[in-house]
Amino acid sequence: MKRMHVISVCLLVFLFFAGCQTLGGASESADIARAWRQHRRGNYKFAMWDFEHALKHNPQSAEAYFGLAVIYEDLGDYSKTKQHFLKAVELDPRYSFLYYDVGSNKLESADIRRGWRERARNNYDQAITTFKLALEKTPQSAEAYIGLGNIYEDKKDYNQALKYYSKAIEIKPKSGYFWLRGDVWRRRNDCERAIEDYTSAITKDPSFAAAHTDRGFCYMSMGKYETALADYKKALELVPSNDQRPYAIRVRTIALKAISDIQKKTLK
């Protein structure tokens, strides 16, 4: 996932991830930041060591597993790439729809990975060119459309972001793709359409806790407190207190705060 590179750097940390940053503490974060710097310089051995050291601080670090997957893909070890990427997805399900073709050496995938890498460096024009090159080779590449949508969302060109996310959904109506488009509608303060997409994401994947919290946010902003409360409570059911993944901790933190805020509002 050179694209993964991206994903990770941006990653999510990028985008999303709003919630994709590691939660294991300063030591883990320092290891991961250093690992990505080493990776960009091509120092794979040292990057791998830093990611593994981060896992000693926090065995639940999805980004550290993601980083190892990126390195193994760069080294051509696709079996280990898949192994580490699946572990990252287990810890934070959102990694699964940022890039699907992990461990593949197809030509299209190389273009997509290169596009994500340019995006991570904020070389948006080059990233756009590279994703479009992937589309010339494979016009039905949902992953390339997602990459384009992600870049335009970063650029705050929401009309373009919606266009590309919608095209990806036409090709692959994945739960995560609806969630990404829902976030754009939310950024445009169009909560009704955001709710439609979050609902589609939940319909396709009822275990998608983050979609519940985001839909709850929209209902809350519309003053529909009881409906919002139901979403936040559902999110808590999906990530019980014994689930210590960083993703789960973040979802619980958001849901518990929102529930508290709603209770304060409704008790006035």
Protein backbone atom coordinates (compact mmCIF):
# COMPACT_ATOMS: atom_id res chain seq x y z
CA MET A 1 0.00 0.00 0.00
CA LYS A 2 2.17 2.61 -1.15
CA ARG A 3 -1.12 4.05 -1.36
CA MET A 4 -1.26 2.73 2.01
CA HIS A 5 1.58 4.96 2.70
CA VAL A 6 -0.55 7.61 2.04
CA ILE A 7 -3.32 6.31 3.78
CA SER A 8 -1.43 5.98 6.75
CA VAL A 9 0.25 9.23 6.71
CA CYS A 10 -2.83 10.98 5.88
CA LEU A 11 -4.75 8.48 7.34
CA LEU A 12 -6.01 8.38 7.31
CA VAL A 13 -4.25 10.13 10.40
CA PHE A 14 -5.57 11.00 7.24
CA LEU A 15 -9.00 11.68 6.95
CA PHE A 16 -10.60 10.03 8.79
CA PHE A 17 -9.57 9.51 10.35
CA ALA A 18 -9.89 12.17 12.57
CA GLY A 19 -9.82 9.00 14.43
CA CYS A 20 -6.97 7.20 12.91
CA GLN A 21 -4.26 8.53 15.05
CA THR A 22 -2.60 6.28 17.53
CA LEU A 23 -3.75 6.45 21.11
CA GLY A 24 -0.94 4.57 22.80
CA GLY A 25 0.90 7.55 24.22
CA ALA A 26 3.81 9.82 23.44
CA SER A 27 6.38 7.04 23.06
CA GLU A 28 4.29 5.13 20.56
CA SER A 29 3.50 8.29 18.58
CA ALA A 30 7.17 9.25 18.45
CA ASP A 31 8.09 5.77 17.19
CA ILE A 32 5.46 5.93 14.46
CA ALA A 33 6.40 9.44 13.35
CA ARG A 34 10.05 8.37 13.15
CA ALA A 35 9.11 5.18 11.30
CA TRP A 36 7.28 7.12 8.58
CA ARG A 37 10.27 9.46 8.19
CA GLN A 38 12.57 6.48 7.80
CA HIS A 39 10.17 4.92 5.33
CA ARG A 40 10.10 8.06 3.16
CA ARG A 41 13.90 7.94 3.06
CA GLY A 42 13.85 4.29 1.99
CA ASN A 43 15.36 3.10 5.28
CA TYR A 44 13.05 0.11 5.55
CA LYS A 45 15.04 -1.74 8.19
CA PHE A 46 14.92 1.19 10.61
CA ALA A 47 11.31 1.98 9.77
CA MET A 48 10.32 -1.60 10.51
CA TRP A 49 12.19 -1.50 13.81
CA ASP A 50 10.36 1.69 14.85
CA PHE A 51 6.93 0.31 13.96
CA GLU A 52 7.67 -2.86 15.90
CA HIS A 53 8.87 -0.76 18.84
CA ALA A 54 5.59 1.18 18.71
CA LEU A 55 3.74 -2.13 19.06
CA LYS A 56 5.66 -2.82 22.25
CA HIS A 57 4.22 0.40 23.67
CA ASN A 58 0.76 -0.35 22.28
CA PRO A 59 0.00 -3.81 20.85
CA GLN A 60 -3.34 -2.36 19.66
CA SER A 61 -1.81 0.20 17.30
CA ALA A 62 -3.53 -0.19 13.95
CA GLU A 63 -1.21 2.35 12.34
CA ALA A 64 1.90 0.43 13.35
CA TYR A 65 0.52 -2.72 11.71
CA PHE A 66 -0.48 -0.65 8.73
CA GLY A 67 3.04 0.75 8.48
CA LEU A 68 4.54 -2.74 8.55
CA ALA A 69 2.15 -3.77 5.77
CA VAL A 70 3.37 -0.82 3.70
CA ILE A 71 6.99 -1.81 4.18
CA TYR A 72 6.44 -5.46 3.35
CA GLU A 73 4.61 -4.45 0.19
CA ASP A 74 7.53 -2.22 -0.79
CA LEU A 75 9.81 -5.20 -0.23
CA GLY A 76 7.60 -7.45 -2.35
CA ASP A 77 6.55 -9.75 0.48
CA TYR A 78 2.81 -9.73 -0.27
CA SER A 79 1.98 -12.52 2.17
CA LYS A 80 3.25 -10.49 5.11
CA THR A 81 1.66 -7.40 3.63
CA LYS A 82 -1.75 -9.03 3.76
CA GLN A 83 -1.12 -10.46 7.22
CA HIS A 84 -0.26 -7.08 8.75
CA PHE A 85 -2.92 -5.17 6.87
CA LEU A 86 -5.64 -7.55 8.04
CA LYS A 87 -4.44 -7.00 11.61
CA ALA A 88 -4.71 -3.23 11.10
CA VAL A 89 -8.25 -3.68 9.79
CA GLU A 90 -9.14 -5.87 12.76
CA LEU A 91 -8.04 -3.07 15.10
CA ASP A 92 -9.61 -0.25 13.07
CA PRO A 93 -12.17 -1.36 10.44
CA ARG A 94 -11.92 1.92 8.56
CA TYR A 95 -8.57 0.92 7.08
CA SER A 96 -10.42 -1.63 4.97
CA PHE A 97 -12.09 0.87 2.68
CA LEU A 98 -9.25 3.28 2.21
CA TYR A 99 -7.57 0.76 0.02
CA TYR A 100 -8.77 -2.64 -1.04
CA ASP A 101 -6.09 -4.15 -3.23
CA VAL A 102 -3.49 -4.62 -0.53
CA GLY A 103 -0.63 -6.88 -1.47
CA SER A 104 -1.43 -6.83 -5.16
CA ASN A 105 1.27 -6.21 -7.72
CA LYS A 106 -1.12 -5.30 -10.53
CA LEU A 107 -0.22 -2.33 -12.72
CA GLU A 108 -3.36 -0.47 -11.71
CA SER A 109 -2.52 -0.97 -8.06
CA ALA A 110 0.95 0.46 -8.61
CA ASP A 111 -0.61 3.64 -9.99
CA ILE A 112 -3.02 3.86 -7.09
CA ARG A 113 -0.27 3.34 -4.54
CA ARG A 114 1.79 6.02 -6.26
CA GLY A 115 -1.21 8.35 -6.18
CA TRP A 116 -1.65 7.86 -2.45
CA ARG A 117 2.06 8.42 -1.90
CA GLU A 118 1.91 11.76 -3.73
CA ARG A 119 -1.15 12.71 -1.74
CA ALA A 120 0.73 12.02 1.49
CA ARG A 121 3.36 14.49 0.34
CA ASN A 122 0.65 17.06 -0.46
CA ASN A 123 1.56 16.82 -4.14
CA TYR A 124 -2.12 17.01 -5.05
CA ASP A 125 -1.71 17.75 -8.75
CA GLN A 126 0.63 14.80 -9.23
CA ALA A 127 -1.64 12.55 -7.18
CA ILE A 128 -4.65 13.53 -9.29
CA THR A 129 -2.71 12.81 -12.48
CA THR A 130 -1.66 9.40 -11.17
CA PHE A 131 -5.15 8.37 -10.05
CA LYS A 132 -6.49 9.41 -13.45
CA LEU A 133 -3.79 7.31 -15.11
CA ALA A 134 -5.09 4.33 -13.11
CA LEU A 135 -8.57 5.09 -14.46
CA GLU A 136 -7.29 5.11 -18.03
CA LYS A 137 -6.07 1.55 -17.48
CA THR A 138 -9.05 0.43 -15.40
CA PRO A 139 -12.06 2.76 -15.86
CA GLN A 140 -14.01 0.85 -13.21
CA SER A 141 -11.46 1.34 -10.43
CA ALA A 142 -13.45 2.42 -7.41
CA GLU A 143 -10.20 2.81 -5.47
CA ALA A 144 -8.94 5.44 -7.91
CA TYR A 145 -12.19 7.38 -7.62
CA ILE A 146 -11.92 7.21 -3.82
CA GLY A 147 -8.39 8.61 -4.04
CA LEU A 148 -9.61 11.50 -6.18
CA GLY A 149 -12.53 12.15 -3.86
CA ASN A 150 -10.22 12.19 -0.87
CA ILE A 151 -7.90 14.74 -2.46
CA TYR A 152 -10.72 17.09 -3.43
CA GLU A 153 -12.19 16.75 0.04
CA ASP A 154 -8.83 17.86 1.44
CA LYS A 155 -8.87 20.77 -0.98
CA LYS A 156 -12.38 21.61 0.26
CA ASP A 157 -13.71 21.26 -3.27
CA TYR A 158 -16.74 19.37 -2.02
CA ASN A 159 -18.57 19.29 -5.35
CA GLN A 160 -15.69 17.38 -6.93
CA ALA A 161 -15.31 15.17 -3.87
CA LEU A 162 -18.98 14.24 -4.04
CA LYS A 163 -18.70 13.50 -7.76
CA TYR A 164 -15.83 11.07 -7.32
CA TYR A 165 -17.17 9.42 -4.20
CA SER A 166 -20.49 8.94 -5.99
CA LYS A 167 -18.72 7.33 -8.93
CA ALA A 168 -16.94 4.93 -6.57
CA ILE A 169 -20.29 4.04 -5.00
CA GLU A 170 -21.77 3.30 -8.43
CA ILE A 171 -18.99 0.81 -9.04
CA LYS A 172 -18.69 -0.65 -5.53
CA PRO A 173 -21.48 0.34 -3.13
CA LYS A 174 -19.31 -0.36 -0.10
CA SER A 175 -20.32 0.65 3.38
CA GLY A 176 -17.17 2.73 3.84
CA TYR A 177 -17.72 4.62 0.60
CA PHE A 178 -21.15 5.76 1.75
CA TRP A 179 -19.57 6.83 5.02
CA LEU A 180 -16.93 8.90 3.24
CA ARG A 181 -19.55 10.64 1.10
CA GLY A 182 -21.70 11.18 4.17
CA ASP A 183 -18.84 13.08 5.77
CA VAL A 184 -18.71 15.44 2.79
CA TRP A 185 -22.44 16.12 3.03
CA ARG A 186 -21.94 16.81 6.73
CA ARG A 187 -19.11 19.23 6.00
CA ARG A 188 -21.51 21.03 3.69
CA ASN A 189 -24.04 21.18 6.52
CA ASP A 190 -26.45 19.02 4.52
CA CYS A 191 -27.38 16.71 7.38
CA GLU A 192 -30.34 15.14 5.60
CA ARG A 193 -28.17 13.77 2.80
CA ALA A 194 -25.44 12.87 5.25
CA ILE A 195 -27.96 10.85 7.23
CA GLU A 196 -29.02 9.04 4.05
CA ASP A 197 -25.43 7.97 3.38
CA TYR A 198 -24.69 7.05 6.99
CA THR A 199 -27.87 4.97 6.97
CA SER A 200 -26.72 3.20 3.79
CA ALA A 201 -23.36 2.51 5.44
CA ILE A 202 -25.09 1.05 8.49
CA THR A 203 -27.50 -1.00 6.37
CA LYS A 204 -24.58 -2.60 4.55
CA ASP A 205 -22.54 -3.02 7.73
CA PRO A 206 -24.65 -2.97 10.93
CA SER A 207 -21.46 -3.21 13.00
CA PHE A 208 -20.15 0.13 11.70
CA ALA A 209 -20.04 1.98 15.01
CA ALA A 210 -18.45 5.17 13.63
CA ALA A 211 -21.33 5.57 11.18
CA HIS A 212 -23.72 5.51 14.13
CA THR A 213 -21.83 8.24 15.98
CA ASP A 214 -21.65 10.41 12.86
CA ARG A 215 -25.32 9.93 12.10
CA GLY A 216 -26.04 10.69 15.73
CA PHE A 217 -24.12 13.96 15.37
CA CYS A 218 -26.34 14.94 12.44
CA TYR A 219 -29.55 14.11 14.30
CA MET A 220 -28.28 16.03 17.31
CA SER A 221 -27.48 19.10 15.21
CA MET A 222 -31.03 18.95 13.85
CA GLY A 223 -32.45 18.89 17.37
CA LYS A 224 -33.63 15.28 17.05
CA TYR A 225 -32.19 14.32 20.40
CA GLU A 226 -34.04 11.05 20.99
CA THR A 227 -33.03 9.70 17.59
CA ALA A 228 -29.45 10.85 18.14
CA LEU A 229 -29.44 9.22 21.55
CA ALA A 230 -30.47 5.91 20.01
CA ASP A 231 -27.53 6.07 17.59
CA TYR A 232 -25.01 6.86 20.29
CA LYS A 233 -26.34 4.07 22.50
CA LYS A 234 -26.12 1.66 19.58
CA ALA A 235 -22.51 2.68 19.03
CA LEU A 236 -21.77 1.82 22.66
CA GLU A 237 -23.34 -1.60 22.17
CA LEU A 238 -21.06 -2.19 19.20
CA VAL A 239 -17.91 -1.25 21.12
CA PRO A 240 -18.43 -2.52 24.69
CA SER A 241 -16.08 -1.45 27.47
CA ASN A 242 -13.99 -4.62 27.15
CA ASP A 243 -13.10 -3.66 23.57
CA GLN A 244 -9.80 -1.82 24.00
CA ARG A 245 -8.96 -1.17 20.37
CA PRO A 246 -8.07 2.52 19.82
CA TYR A 247 -10.93 2.71 17.33
CA ALA A 248 -13.36 1.41 19.95
CA ILE A 249 -12.02 3.74 22.63
CA ARG A 250 -12.50 6.72 20.33
CA VAL A 251 -16.06 5.71 19.44
CA ARG A 252 -16.93 5.24 23.11
CA THR A 253 -15.43 8.61 24.02
CA ILE A 254 -17.47 10.39 21.35
CA ALA A 255 -20.67 8.54 22.20
CA LEU A 256 -20.43 9.03 25.96
CA LYS A 257 -19.76 12.76 25.63
CA ALA A 258 -22.65 13.17 23.19
CA ILE A 259 -25.02 11.26 25.46
CA SER A 260 -24.00 13.51 28.35
CA ASP A 261 -24.56 16.62 26.22
CA ILE A 262 -27.98 15.41 25.09
CA GLN A 263 -29.03 14.68 28.64
CA LYS A 264 -28.01 18.17 29.71
CA LYS A 265 -29.97 19.72 26.85
CA THR A 266 -33.12 17.68 27.39
CA LEU A 267 -33.11 18.25 31.15
CA LYS A 268 -33.19 22.03 30.80
